[in-house]
């Protein structure tokens, strides 16, 4: 999880002559070589383009959440990536075409039960999206 953090601007790098994309490529190449071809690797929080050829399954969405919109005070400009059911569904739908081409899609889980504030319609929508994209 959070594979992108390895190449955030300002992070120390093994080889300062490499770009951040080259650093991510090296990390994924080492991960795949160490795990071997028979190991199923799921990428999460990983730049999509770098993962092609190294990752077998990929989280294609933002984290889901117990509410339709992000429920806690967060920047209003970031409602598309913060934990919420709406963000998970939007990302899953827009990236669904990557499944079974580059990897197996992982659209994140579905939260059920009394601990959520989701309506039956929202839950049914999420179940449909996950079934169609996962």
Protein backbone atom coordinates (compact mmCIF):
# COMPACT_ATOMS: atom_id res chain seq x y z
CA UNK A 1 0.00 0.00 0.00
CA UNK A 2 1.08 3.59 -0.60
CA UNK A 3 3.71 2.50 -3.12
CA UNK A 4 3.76 6.02 -4.57
CA UNK A 5 5.29 7.28 -1.31
CA UNK A 6 8.62 5.78 -2.30
CA UNK A 7 9.00 8.35 -5.07
CA UNK A 8 7.40 11.47 -3.65
CA UNK A 9 9.33 14.61 -4.41
CA UNK A 10 11.93 15.19 -1.75
CA UNK A 11 12.26 11.55 -0.73
CA UNK A 12 15.79 10.22 -0.61
CA UNK A 13 16.64 8.08 -3.61
CA UNK A 14 19.09 5.26 -4.06
CA UNK A 15 20.43 6.77 -7.26
CA UNK A 16 20.12 10.54 -7.63
CA UNK A 17 20.59 10.29 -11.40
CA UNK A 18 17.23 8.48 -11.75
CA UNK A 19 13.90 10.21 -12.20
CA UNK A 20 11.06 9.38 -9.83
CA UNK A 21 9.48 7.22 -12.57
CA UNK A 22 12.74 5.33 -13.00
CA UNK A 23 12.92 4.85 -9.23
CA UNK A 24 9.41 3.39 -9.17
CA UNK A 25 10.26 1.13 -12.10
CA UNK A 26 13.34 -0.15 -10.26
CA UNK A 27 11.33 -0.77 -7.08
CA UNK A 28 8.61 -2.70 -8.94
CA UNK A 29 11.18 -4.68 -10.93
CA UNK A 30 12.92 -5.69 -7.67
CA UNK A 31 9.58 -6.56 -6.04
CA UNK A 32 8.58 -8.79 -8.95
CA UNK A 33 12.02 -10.46 -9.13
CA UNK A 34 12.02 -11.14 -5.39
CA UNK A 35 8.46 -12.47 -5.30
CA UNK A 36 8.86 -14.61 -8.41
CA UNK A 37 6.49 -15.19 -11.31
CA UNK A 38 4.14 -17.51 -9.37
CA UNK A 39 3.32 -14.87 -6.72
CA UNK A 40 0.22 -12.72 -7.24
CA UNK A 41 1.15 -9.13 -6.41
CA UNK A 42 -1.54 -6.54 -5.71
CA UNK A 43 -0.56 -2.92 -6.16
CA UNK A 44 -2.27 -0.27 -4.09
CA UNK A 45 -1.44 3.38 -4.14
CA UNK A 46 0.83 2.75 -7.09
CA UNK A 47 1.23 4.90 -10.19
CA UNK A 48 -0.74 2.98 -12.81
CA UNK A 49 1.63 3.31 -15.76
CA UNK A 50 4.67 2.10 -13.84
CA UNK A 51 2.88 -1.03 -12.66
CA UNK A 52 2.14 -2.52 -16.08
CA UNK A 53 3.97 -5.82 -16.41
CA UNK A 54 4.89 -6.05 -12.72
CA UNK A 55 1.57 -6.10 -10.86
CA UNK A 56 -1.09 -8.82 -11.17
CA UNK A 57 -3.90 -6.95 -9.43
CA UNK A 58 -4.34 -3.22 -8.88
CA UNK A 59 -6.50 -1.10 -6.63
CA UNK A 60 -8.25 1.12 -9.14
CA UNK A 61 -10.16 3.34 -6.77
CA UNK A 62 -9.92 5.72 -3.89
CA UNK A 63 -10.63 4.19 -0.50
CA UNK A 64 -14.29 3.54 0.14
CA UNK A 65 -16.00 4.99 3.18
CA UNK A 66 -19.14 4.73 5.29
CA UNK A 67 -20.68 7.82 3.67
CA UNK A 68 -21.45 8.99 0.12
CA UNK A 69 -19.20 12.07 0.45
CA UNK A 70 -16.14 12.37 2.72
CA UNK A 71 -17.61 12.65 6.20
CA UNK A 72 -14.95 14.52 8.12
CA UNK A 73 -13.62 18.05 7.66
CA UNK A 74 -11.21 17.87 4.77
CA UNK A 75 -10.27 20.17 1.92
CA UNK A 76 -13.33 20.74 -0.26
CA UNK A 77 -11.18 20.65 -3.41
CA UNK A 78 -10.26 16.98 -2.83
CA UNK A 79 -13.67 15.26 -2.75
CA UNK A 80 -12.67 12.94 -5.62
CA UNK A 81 -9.90 11.04 -3.81
CA UNK A 82 -10.84 11.12 -0.14
CA UNK A 83 -12.47 8.07 1.49
CA UNK A 84 -16.09 7.90 0.40
CA UNK A 85 -18.36 5.56 -1.51
CA UNK A 86 -18.84 8.11 -4.29
CA UNK A 87 -15.08 8.44 -4.92
CA UNK A 88 -14.60 4.66 -4.89
CA UNK A 89 -17.38 4.13 -7.43
CA UNK A 90 -16.28 6.98 -9.71
CA UNK A 91 -12.67 5.78 -9.84
CA UNK A 92 -13.72 2.15 -10.31
CA UNK A 93 -15.96 3.01 -13.25
CA UNK A 94 -13.46 5.27 -15.00
CA UNK A 95 -10.64 2.72 -14.64
CA UNK A 96 -12.68 -0.41 -15.30
CA UNK A 97 -11.28 -0.76 -18.82
CA UNK A 98 -7.84 -1.59 -17.36
CA UNK A 99 -9.08 -4.90 -15.93
CA UNK A 100 -8.07 -8.07 -17.73
CA UNK A 101 -5.82 -6.00 -19.98
CA UNK A 102 -3.09 -4.80 -17.64
CA UNK A 103 -4.10 -6.63 -14.43
CA UNK A 104 -7.09 -7.79 -12.39
CA UNK A 105 -8.98 -4.81 -10.99
CA UNK A 106 -9.44 -4.32 -7.25
CA UNK A 107 -12.25 -1.74 -6.77
CA UNK A 108 -12.02 -1.83 -2.93
CA UNK A 109 -14.50 -3.36 -0.51
CA UNK A 110 -18.15 -2.64 0.18
CA UNK A 111 -19.06 -1.43 3.66
CA UNK A 112 -22.34 -2.79 4.98
CA UNK A 113 -24.20 -2.70 8.26
CA UNK A 114 -25.35 -0.18 10.78
CA UNK A 115 -21.98 1.54 11.07
CA UNK A 116 -22.47 3.28 7.72
CA UNK A 117 -24.71 6.17 6.72
CA UNK A 118 -25.33 4.69 3.26
CA UNK A 119 -28.80 4.27 1.81
CA UNK A 120 -29.97 0.99 0.30
CA UNK A 121 -29.72 2.58 -3.15
CA UNK A 122 -26.11 3.63 -2.57
CA UNK A 123 -25.17 0.15 -1.35
CA UNK A 124 -26.89 -1.47 -4.34
CA UNK A 125 -25.03 0.90 -6.67
CA UNK A 126 -21.72 -0.02 -5.03
CA UNK A 127 -22.43 -3.75 -5.28
CA UNK A 128 -23.21 -3.32 -8.98
CA UNK A 129 -20.02 -1.34 -9.67
CA UNK A 130 -17.80 -3.81 -7.80
CA UNK A 131 -19.43 -6.78 -9.54
CA UNK A 132 -18.90 -5.18 -12.95
CA UNK A 133 -15.36 -3.90 -12.41
CA UNK A 134 -13.65 -6.33 -9.99
